[in-house]
C-alpha atoms as a PDB file:
ATOM      1  CA  MET A   1     109.550  52.749 116.054  1.00  0.00           C
ATOM      2  CA  LYS A   2     109.840  54.076 112.398  1.00  0.00           C
ATOM      3  CA  THR A   3     107.000  56.703 112.939  1.00  0.00           C
ATOM      4  CA  LEU A   4     108.765  57.950 116.094  1.00  0.00           C
ATOM      5  CA  PHE A   5     112.075  58.333 114.342  1.00  0.00           C
ATOM      6  CA  ILE A   6     110.434  60.278 111.624  1.00  0.00           C
ATOM      7  CA  ALA A   7     108.568  62.448 114.106  1.00  0.00           C
ATOM      8  CA  VAL A   8     111.787  63.347 115.903  1.00  0.00           C
ATOM      9  CA  MET A   9     113.572  64.112 112.589  1.00  0.00           C
ATOM     10  CA  LEU A  10     110.791  66.672 111.563  1.00  0.00           C
ATOM     11  CA  LEU A  11     110.780  68.293 114.910  1.00  0.00           C
ATOM     12  CA  THR A  12     114.601  68.575 114.708  1.00  0.00           C
ATOM     13  CA  LEU A  13     114.502  70.245 111.330  1.00  0.00           C
ATOM     14  CA  ALA A  14     111.544  72.499 112.200  1.00  0.00           C
ATOM     15  CA  SER A  15     113.435  74.111 115.246  1.00  0.00           C
ATOM     16  CA  CYS A  16     116.703  74.584 113.338  1.00  0.00           C
ATOM     17  CA  TYR A  17     115.675  77.975 112.078  1.00  0.00           C
ATOM     18  CA  GLU A  18     116.590  81.045 114.199  1.00  0.00           C
ATOM     19  CA  PRO A  19     115.242  84.652 113.145  1.00  0.00           C
ATOM     20  CA  ASN A  20     117.555  86.379 110.786  1.00  0.00           C
ATOM     21  CA  VAL A  21     115.896  89.949 110.911  1.00  0.00           C
ATOM     22  CA  GLU A  22     116.430  92.724 113.260  1.00  0.00           C
ATOM     23  CA  THR A  23     113.371  93.141 115.636  1.00  0.00           C
ATOM     24  CA  LYS A  24     112.391  96.408 117.647  1.00  0.00           C
ATOM     25  CA  SER A  25     109.367  96.568 119.829  1.00  0.00           C
ATOM     26  CA  THR A  26     107.049  99.473 119.450  1.00  0.00           C
ATOM     27  CA  GLY A  27     105.439  99.112 122.712  1.00  0.00           C
ATOM     28  CA  TYR A  28     101.934  99.275 121.255  1.00  0.00           C
ATOM     29  CA  VAL A  29      99.767  96.557 122.290  1.00  0.00           C
ATOM     30  CA  ILE A  30      96.665  95.801 120.007  1.00  0.00           C
ATOM     31  CA  ASN A  31      94.763  93.073 122.179  1.00  0.00           C
ATOM     32  CA  ALA A  32      95.220  92.731 125.988  1.00  0.00           C
ATOM     33  CA  GLY A  33      97.300  89.879 126.938  1.00  0.00           C
ATOM     34  CA  ARG A  34      99.235  89.864 123.610  1.00  0.00           C
ATOM     35  CA  ASP A  35     102.826  90.834 122.943  1.00  0.00           C
ATOM     36  CA  PRO A  36     103.350  94.455 121.585  1.00  0.00           C
ATOM     37  CA  LEU A  37     103.707  95.167 117.738  1.00  0.00           C
ATOM     38  CA  ASN A  38     107.418  94.804 116.569  1.00  0.00           C
ATOM     39  CA  VAL A  39     109.124  96.539 113.646  1.00  0.00           C
ATOM     40  CA  ILE A  40     111.065  94.528 111.356  1.00  0.00           C
ATOM     41  CA  ASN A  41     113.464  95.484 108.538  1.00  0.00           C
ATOM     42  CA  VAL A  42     113.433  93.515 105.286  1.00  0.00           C
ATOM     43  CA  ASP A  43     115.376  94.573 102.188  1.00  0.00           C
ATOM     44  CA  GLY A  44     115.271  98.171 103.341  1.00  0.00           C
ATOM     45  CA  CYS A  45     111.666  98.295 104.193  1.00  0.00           C
ATOM     46  CA  GLN A  46     109.966  98.441 107.625  1.00  0.00           C
ATOM     47  CA  TYR A  47     107.087  96.250 108.540  1.00  0.00           C
ATOM     48  CA  LEU A  48     104.815  95.936 111.533  1.00  0.00           C
ATOM     49  CA  TYR A  49     104.710  92.455 112.772  1.00  0.00           C
ATOM     50  CA  GLY A  50     102.704  91.042 115.636  1.00  0.00           C
ATOM     51  CA  ASP A  51      99.792  88.864 116.814  1.00  0.00           C
ATOM     52  CA  TRP A  52      96.335  89.612 115.712  1.00  0.00           C
ATOM     53  CA  GLY A  53      93.657  87.351 116.904  1.00  0.00           C
ATOM     54  CA  SER A  54      94.463  83.858 116.408  1.00  0.00           C
ATOM     55  CA  GLY A  55      96.962  84.803 113.666  1.00  0.00           C
ATOM     56  CA  THR A  56      99.768  87.182 112.802  1.00  0.00           C
ATOM     57  CA  VAL A  57      99.801  90.507 111.109  1.00  0.00           C
ATOM     58  CA  LEU A  58     102.645  91.772 108.806  1.00  0.00           C
ATOM     59  CA  ALA A  59     102.175  95.152 107.302  1.00  0.00           C
ATOM     60  CA  HIS A  60     104.241  97.469 105.378  1.00  0.00           C
ATOM     61  CA  LYS A  61     104.918 100.772 106.955  1.00  0.00           C
ATOM     62  CA  GLY A  62     105.534 102.501 103.640  1.00  0.00           C
ATOM     63  CA  ASN A  63     108.709 104.372 104.488  1.00  0.00           C
ATOM     64  CA  CYS A  64     111.255 102.289 102.284  1.00  0.00           C
ATOM     65  CA  THR A  65     114.772 103.068 101.663  1.00  0.00           C
ATOM     66  CA  ASN A  66     114.765 100.409  99.172  1.00  0.00           C
ATOM     67  CA  PRO A  67     115.242 102.249  95.614  1.00  0.00           C
ATOM     68  CA  GLU A  68     113.427  99.445  93.705  1.00  0.00           C
ATOM     69  CA  HIS A  69     110.158 100.315  95.307  1.00  0.00           C
ATOM     70  CA  TYR A  70     110.466 103.907  93.595  1.00  0.00           C
ATOM     71  CA  GLU A  71     111.739 102.802  90.041  1.00  0.00           C
ATOM     72  CA  ASN A  72     108.133 102.711  88.546  1.00  0.00           C
ATOM     73  CA  ASN A  73     106.907 106.132  90.079  1.00  0.00           C
END
């Protein structure tokens, strides 16, 4: 009974998070049967986000509006 209670509590905690970034679909599908790539914005930078094989890809697009990324150039 104790194990069941702990399992339910962990599942409850894991399901409490909701996405907090804006996501926009690109319409580009990398692998047949997968969802298209999405563009997300984090701290003024755009990233491509989507399925890649059995994992997930997150790649920086390189078109930042975040001035901190240009301080050292």
